[in-house]
Amino acid sequence: MGFNTAIASLMEFTNELYKIKAKEGYCAKEWQFTLSTLSQLLAPIVPHISEELWNQLKNEQSIHKSKWP
């Protein structure tokens, strides 16, 4: 099913985000979009955690009703 590969790829994505944030800073709007996208990508693997993250990012509806990135 490739869950390990998917999780490893999302971890690499997260590590790159930290590098970009440390090197270049971030714009709040772009950072919000990036974190929302990451939450959506996590949703099939960890639905409950991604839903919590989605709510903390001030999204109104459920992450599972959002449009796939």
PDB file of N, CA and C in Angstrom:
ATOM      1  N   MET A   1       0.819  -1.193   0.000  1.00  0.00           N
ATOM      2  CA  MET A   1       0.000   0.000   0.000  1.00  0.00           C
ATOM      3  C   MET A   1       0.867   1.264   0.000  1.00  0.00           C
ATOM      4  N   GLY A   2       2.124   1.163   0.350  1.00  0.00           N
ATOM      5  CA  GLY A   2       3.035   2.283   0.211  1.00  0.00           C
ATOM      6  C   GLY A   2       2.900   3.378   1.256  1.00  0.00           C
ATOM      7  N   PHE A   3       2.358   3.056   2.432  1.00  0.00           N
ATOM      8  CA  PHE A   3       2.209   4.088   3.456  1.00  0.00           C
ATOM      9  C   PHE A   3       3.560   4.636   3.894  1.00  0.00           C
ATOM     10  N   ASN A   4       4.555   3.759   4.019  1.00  0.00           N
ATOM     11  CA  ASN A   4       5.877   4.215   4.435  1.00  0.00           C
ATOM     12  C   ASN A   4       6.447   5.222   3.446  1.00  0.00           C
ATOM     13  N   THR A   5       6.262   4.961   2.163  1.00  0.00           N
ATOM     14  CA  THR A   5       6.750   5.868   1.135  1.00  0.00           C
ATOM     15  C   THR A   5       6.029   7.202   1.195  1.00  0.00           C
ATOM     16  N   ALA A   6       4.724   7.158   1.383  1.00  0.00           N
ATOM     17  CA  ALA A   6       3.941   8.395   1.469  1.00  0.00           C
ATOM     18  C   ALA A   6       4.344   9.219   2.688  1.00  0.00           C
ATOM     19  N   ILE A   7       4.503   8.577   3.811  1.00  0.00           N
ATOM     20  CA  ILE A   7       4.886   9.286   5.034  1.00  0.00           C
ATOM     21  C   ILE A   7       6.293   9.844   4.906  1.00  0.00           C
ATOM     22  N   ALA A   8       7.211   9.084   4.325  1.00  0.00           N
ATOM     23  CA  ALA A   8       8.577   9.569   4.129  1.00  0.00           C
ATOM     24  C   ALA A   8       8.598  10.798   3.220  1.00  0.00           C
ATOM     25  N   SER A   9       7.796  10.785   2.180  1.00  0.00           N
ATOM     26  CA  SER A   9       7.726  11.932   1.274  1.00  0.00           C
ATOM     27  C   SER A   9       7.164  13.168   1.973  1.00  0.00           C
ATOM     28  N   LEU A  10       6.145  12.984   2.802  1.00  0.00           N
ATOM     29  CA  LEU A  10       5.574  14.106   3.541  1.00  0.00           C
ATOM     30  C   LEU A  10       6.564  14.639   4.584  1.00  0.00           C
ATOM     31  N   MET A  11       7.374  13.758   5.158  1.00  0.00           N
ATOM     32  CA  MET A  11       8.411  14.205   6.090  1.00  0.00           C
ATOM     33  C   MET A  11       9.478  15.016   5.362  1.00  0.00           C
ATOM     34  N   GLU A  12       9.851  14.601   4.163  1.00  0.00           N
ATOM     35  CA  GLU A  12      10.806  15.363   3.353  1.00  0.00           C
ATOM     36  C   GLU A  12      10.233  16.734   3.015  1.00  0.00           C
ATOM     37  N   PHE A  13       8.967  16.769   2.661  1.00  0.00           N
ATOM     38  CA  PHE A  13       8.280  18.031   2.362  1.00  0.00           C
ATOM     39  C   PHE A  13       8.318  18.968   3.564  1.00  0.00           C
ATOM     40  N   THR A  14       8.032  18.423   4.739  1.00  0.00           N
ATOM     41  CA  THR A  14       8.049  19.212   5.973  1.00  0.00           C
ATOM     42  C   THR A  14       9.452  19.730   6.272  1.00  0.00           C
ATOM     43  N   ASN A  15      10.464  18.895   6.092  1.00  0.00           N
ATOM     44  CA  ASN A  15      11.841  19.328   6.313  1.00  0.00           C
ATOM     45  C   ASN A  15      12.229  20.463   5.369  1.00  0.00           C
ATOM     46  N   GLU A  16      11.798  20.381   4.136  1.00  0.00           N
ATOM     47  CA  GLU A  16      12.074  21.458   3.174  1.00  0.00           C
ATOM     48  C   GLU A  16      11.379  22.754   3.588  1.00  0.00           C
ATOM     49  N   LEU A  17      10.171  22.632   4.110  1.00  0.00           N
ATOM     50  CA  LEU A  17       9.465  23.825   4.592  1.00  0.00           C
ATOM     51  C   LEU A  17      10.240  24.513   5.713  1.00  0.00           C
ATOM     52  N   TYR A  18      10.774  23.725   6.634  1.00  0.00           N
ATOM     53  CA  TYR A  18      11.562  24.298   7.727  1.00  0.00           C
ATOM     54  C   TYR A  18      12.808  24.996   7.190  1.00  0.00           C
ATOM     55  N   LYS A  19      13.455  24.411   6.183  1.00  0.00           N
ATOM     56  CA  LYS A  19      14.645  25.031   5.587  1.00  0.00           C
ATOM     57  C   LYS A  19      14.295  26.362   4.935  1.00  0.00           C
ATOM     58  N   ILE A  20      13.203  26.386   4.197  1.00  0.00           N
ATOM     59  CA  ILE A  20      12.777  27.616   3.524  1.00  0.00           C
ATOM     60  C   ILE A  20      12.424  28.680   4.555  1.00  0.00           C
ATOM     61  N   LYS A  21      11.719  28.289   5.595  1.00  0.00           N
ATOM     62  CA  LYS A  21      11.328  29.233   6.642  1.00  0.00           C
ATOM     63  C   LYS A  21      12.558  29.832   7.320  1.00  0.00           C
ATOM     64  N   ALA A  22      13.556  29.002   7.621  1.00  0.00           N
ATOM     65  CA  ALA A  22      14.772  29.476   8.288  1.00  0.00           C
ATOM     66  C   ALA A  22      15.607  30.364   7.379  1.00  0.00           C
ATOM     67  N   LYS A  23      15.643  30.043   6.098  1.00  0.00           N
ATOM     68  CA  LYS A  23      16.503  30.760   5.161  1.00  0.00           C
ATOM     69  C   LYS A  23      15.875  32.052   4.657  1.00  0.00           C
ATOM     70  N   GLU A  24      14.621  31.988   4.269  1.00  0.00           N
ATOM     71  CA  GLU A  24      13.984  33.103   3.582  1.00  0.00           C
ATOM     72  C   GLU A  24      12.851  33.759   4.361  1.00  0.00           C
ATOM     73  N   GLY A  25      12.467  33.180   5.475  1.00  0.00           N
ATOM     74  CA  GLY A  25      11.291  33.687   6.170  1.00  0.00           C
ATOM     75  C   GLY A  25      10.042  33.208   5.446  1.00  0.00           C
ATOM     76  N   TYR A  26       8.929  33.817   5.760  1.00  0.00           N
ATOM     77  CA  TYR A  26       7.700  33.391   5.114  1.00  0.00           C
ATOM     78  C   TYR A  26       6.666  34.504   5.164  1.00  0.00           C
ATOM     79  N   CYS A  27       5.782  34.451   4.229  1.00  0.00           N
ATOM     80  CA  CYS A  27       4.622  35.335   4.190  1.00  0.00           C
ATOM     81  C   CYS A  27       3.473  34.564   4.835  1.00  0.00           C
ATOM     82  N   ALA A  28       2.750  35.200   5.710  1.00  0.00           N
ATOM     83  CA  ALA A  28       1.687  34.513   6.450  1.00  0.00           C
ATOM     84  C   ALA A  28       0.673  33.847   5.518  1.00  0.00           C
ATOM     85  N   LYS A  29       0.306  34.520   4.440  1.00  0.00           N
ATOM     86  CA  LYS A  29      -0.683  33.967   3.519  1.00  0.00           C
ATOM     87  C   LYS A  29      -0.146  32.714   2.824  1.00  0.00           C
ATOM     88  N   GLU A  30       1.083  32.767   2.359  1.00  0.00           N
ATOM     89  CA  GLU A  30       1.681  31.618   1.679  1.00  0.00           C
ATOM     90  C   GLU A  30       1.923  30.462   2.651  1.00  0.00           C
ATOM     91  N   TRP A  31       2.340  30.791   3.854  1.00  0.00           N
ATOM     92  CA  TRP A  31       2.576  29.759   4.863  1.00  0.00           C
ATOM     93  C   TRP A  31       1.267  29.069   5.225  1.00  0.00           C
ATOM     94  N   GLN A  32       0.199  29.835   5.355  1.00  0.00           N
ATOM     95  CA  GLN A  32      -1.131  29.285   5.652  1.00  0.00           C
ATOM     96  C   GLN A  32      -1.552  28.310   4.543  1.00  0.00           C
ATOM     97  N   PHE A  33      -1.349  28.713   3.302  1.00  0.00           N
ATOM     98  CA  PHE A  33      -1.703  27.859   2.165  1.00  0.00           C
ATOM     99  C   PHE A  33      -0.890  26.563   2.191  1.00  0.00           C
ATOM    100  N   THR A  34       0.399  26.677   2.471  1.00  0.00           N
ATOM    101  CA  THR A  34       1.273  25.510   2.486  1.00  0.00           C
ATOM    102  C   THR A  34       0.889  24.542   3.598  1.00  0.00           C
ATOM    103  N   LEU A  35       0.610  25.062   4.778  1.00  0.00           N
ATOM    104  CA  LEU A  35       0.208  24.199   5.888  1.00  0.00           C
ATOM    105  C   LEU A  35      -1.154  23.557   5.635  1.00  0.00           C
ATOM    106  N   SER A  36      -2.041  24.289   4.989  1.00  0.00           N
ATOM    107  CA  SER A  36      -3.343  23.712   4.634  1.00  0.00           C
ATOM    108  C   SER A  36      -3.168  22.558   3.649  1.00  0.00           C
ATOM    109  N   THR A  37      -2.300  22.755   2.666  1.00  0.00           N
ATOM    110  CA  THR A  37      -2.033  21.705   1.684  1.00  0.00           C
ATOM    111  C   THR A  37      -1.417  20.481   2.354  1.00  0.00           C
ATOM    112  N   LEU A  38      -0.466  20.710   3.249  1.00  0.00           N
ATOM    113  CA  LEU A  38       0.147  19.599   3.972  1.00  0.00           C
ATOM    114  C   LEU A  38      -0.907  18.840   4.780  1.00  0.00           C
ATOM    115  N   SER A  39      -1.803  19.553   5.423  1.00  0.00           N
ATOM    116  CA  SER A  39      -2.873  18.904   6.190  1.00  0.00           C
ATOM    117  C   SER A  39      -3.750  18.051   5.291  1.00  0.00           C
ATOM    118  N   GLN A  40      -4.054  18.558   4.102  1.00  0.00           N
ATOM    119  CA  GLN A  40      -4.879  17.800   3.167  1.00  0.00           C
ATOM    120  C   GLN A  40      -4.167  16.531   2.694  1.00  0.00           C
ATOM    121  N   LEU A  41      -2.876  16.625   2.491  1.00  0.00           N
ATOM    122  CA  LEU A  41      -2.119  15.457   2.054  1.00  0.00           C
ATOM    123  C   LEU A  41      -2.004  14.413   3.165  1.00  0.00           C
ATOM    124  N   LEU A  42      -2.039  14.868   4.395  1.00  0.00           N
ATOM    125  CA  LEU A  42      -1.987  13.948   5.532  1.00  0.00           C
ATOM    126  C   LEU A  42      -3.335  13.271   5.811  1.00  0.00           C
ATOM    127  N   ALA A  43      -4.419  13.868   5.373  1.00  0.00           N
ATOM    128  CA  ALA A  43      -5.767  13.412   5.724  1.00  0.00           C
ATOM    129  C   ALA A  43      -6.036  11.927   5.451  1.00  0.00           C
ATOM    130  N   PRO A  44      -5.642  11.370   4.319  1.00  0.00           N
ATOM    131  CA  PRO A  44      -5.930   9.942   4.108  1.00  0.00           C
ATOM    132  C   PRO A  44      -5.151   9.013   5.050  1.00  0.00           C
ATOM    133  N   ILE A  45      -4.020   9.496   5.555  1.00  0.00           N
ATOM    134  CA  ILE A  45      -3.162   8.654   6.387  1.00  0.00           C
ATOM    135  C   ILE A  45      -3.502   8.800   7.865  1.00  0.00           C
ATOM    136  N   VAL A  46      -3.695  10.036   8.313  1.00  0.00           N
ATOM    137  CA  VAL A  46      -4.005  10.332   9.718  1.00  0.00           C
ATOM    138  C   VAL A  46      -5.205  11.285   9.774  1.00  0.00           C
ATOM    139  N   PRO A  47      -6.395  10.769   9.570  1.00  0.00           N
ATOM    140  CA  PRO A  47      -7.568  11.629   9.435  1.00  0.00           C
ATOM    141  C   PRO A  47      -7.890  12.479  10.663  1.00  0.00           C
ATOM    142  N   HIS A  48      -7.732  11.947  11.843  1.00  0.00           N
ATOM    143  CA  HIS A  48      -8.109  12.704  13.040  1.00  0.00           C
ATOM    144  C   HIS A  48      -7.137  13.840  13.306  1.00  0.00           C
ATOM    145  N   ILE A  49      -5.857  13.570  13.181  1.00  0.00           N
ATOM    146  CA  ILE A  49      -4.852  14.615  13.404  1.00  0.00           C
ATOM    147  C   ILE A  49      -4.963  15.700  12.351  1.00  0.00           C
ATOM    148  N   SER A  50      -5.145  15.304  11.096  1.00  0.00           N
ATOM    149  CA  SER A  50      -5.246  16.310  10.030  1.00  0.00           C
ATOM    150  C   SER A  50      -6.497  17.171  10.203  1.00  0.00           C
ATOM    151  N   GLU A  51      -7.563  16.593  10.709  1.00  0.00           N
ATOM    152  CA  GLU A  51      -8.783  17.373  10.970  1.00  0.00           C
ATOM    153  C   GLU A  51      -8.522  18.419  12.058  1.00  0.00           C
ATOM    154  N   GLU A  52      -7.792  18.042  13.090  1.00  0.00           N
ATOM    155  CA  GLU A  52      -7.443  18.996  14.153  1.00  0.00           C
ATOM    156  C   GLU A  52      -6.571  20.123  13.606  1.00  0.00           C
ATOM    157  N   LEU A  53      -5.560  19.761  12.813  1.00  0.00           N
ATOM    158  CA  LEU A  53      -4.703  20.779  12.206  1.00  0.00           C
ATOM    159  C   LEU A  53      -5.516  21.717  11.313  1.00  0.00           C
ATOM    160  N   TRP A  54      -6.418  21.149  10.550  1.00  0.00           N
ATOM    161  CA  TRP A  54      -7.279  21.900   9.643  1.00  0.00           C
ATOM    162  C   TRP A  54      -8.107  22.927  10.416  1.00  0.00           C
ATOM    163  N   ASN A  55      -8.659  22.501  11.543  1.00  0.00           N
ATOM    164  CA  ASN A  55      -9.450  23.413  12.380  1.00  0.00           C
ATOM    165  C   ASN A  55      -8.584  24.498  13.001  1.00  0.00           C
ATOM    166  N   GLN A  56      -7.360  24.160  13.400  1.00  0.00           N
ATOM    167  CA  GLN A  56      -6.452  25.151  13.971  1.00  0.00           C
ATOM    168  C   GLN A  56      -6.010  26.184  12.936  1.00  0.00           C
ATOM    169  N   LEU A  57      -6.088  25.825  11.662  1.00  0.00           N
ATOM    170  CA  LEU A  57      -5.760  26.758  10.583  1.00  0.00           C
ATOM    171  C   LEU A  57      -6.965  27.620  10.202  1.00  0.00           C
ATOM    172  N   LYS A  58      -8.000  27.572  11.027  1.00  0.00           N
ATOM    173  CA  LYS A  58      -9.194  28.418  10.887  1.00  0.00           C
ATOM    174  C   LYS A  58     -10.040  28.095   9.661  1.00  0.00           C
ATOM    175  N   ASN A  59     -10.077  26.839   9.267  1.00  0.00           N
ATOM    176  CA  ASN A  59     -10.952  26.425   8.174  1.00  0.00           C
ATOM    177  C   ASN A  59     -12.297  26.016   8.752  1.00  0.00           C
ATOM    178  N   GLU A  60     -13.350  26.418   8.095  1.00  0.00           N
ATOM    179  CA  GLU A  60     -14.711  26.219   8.598  1.00  0.00           C
ATOM    180  C   GLU A  60     -15.210  24.781   8.431  1.00  0.00           C
ATOM    181  N   GLN A  61     -15.129  24.252   7.230  1.00  0.00           N
ATOM    182  CA  GLN A  61     -15.692  22.925   6.963  1.00  0.00           C
ATOM    183  C   GLN A  61     -14.669  21.833   7.262  1.00  0.00           C
ATOM    184  N   SER A  62     -15.103  20.605   7.195  1.00  0.00           N
ATOM    185  CA  SER A  62     -14.224  19.466   7.439  1.00  0.00           C
ATOM    186  C   SER A  62     -13.159  19.367   6.353  1.00  0.00           C
ATOM    187  N   ILE A  63     -11.997  18.896   6.722  1.00  0.00           N
ATOM    188  CA  ILE A  63     -10.917  18.706   5.754  1.00  0.00           C
ATOM    189  C   ILE A  63     -11.321  17.683   4.690  1.00  0.00           C
ATOM    190  N   HIS A  64     -12.181  16.757   5.068  1.00  0.00           N
ATOM    191  CA  HIS A  64     -12.595  15.704   4.145  1.00  0.00           C
ATOM    192  C   HIS A  64     -13.615  16.196   3.119  1.00  0.00           C
ATOM    193  N   LYS A  65     -14.112  17.392   3.297  1.00  0.00           N
ATOM    194  CA  LYS A  65     -15.012  18.001   2.314  1.00  0.00           C
ATOM    195  C   LYS A  65     -14.281  19.030   1.454  1.00  0.00           C
ATOM    196  N   SER A  66     -13.015  19.264   1.744  1.00  0.00           N
ATOM    197  CA  SER A  66     -12.245  20.256   0.983  1.00  0.00           C
ATOM    198  C   SER A  66     -11.796  19.680  -0.350  1.00  0.00           C
ATOM    199  N   LYS A  67     -11.459  20.563  -1.265  1.00  0.00           N
ATOM    200  CA  LYS A  67     -10.992  20.147  -2.585  1.00  0.00           C
ATOM    201  C   LYS A  67      -9.561  19.636  -2.457  1.00  0.00           C
ATOM    202  N   TRP A  68      -9.285  18.509  -3.092  1.00  0.00           N
ATOM    203  CA  TRP A  68      -7.958  17.902  -3.055  1.00  0.00           C
ATOM    204  C   TRP A  68      -6.956  18.846  -3.733  1.00  0.00           C
ATOM    205  N   PRO A  69      -5.776  19.050  -3.117  1.00  0.00           N
ATOM    206  CA  PRO A  69      -4.812  20.019  -3.681  1.00  0.00           C
ATOM    207  C   PRO A  69      -4.240  19.599  -5.024  1.00  0.00           C
TER     208      PRO A  69
END
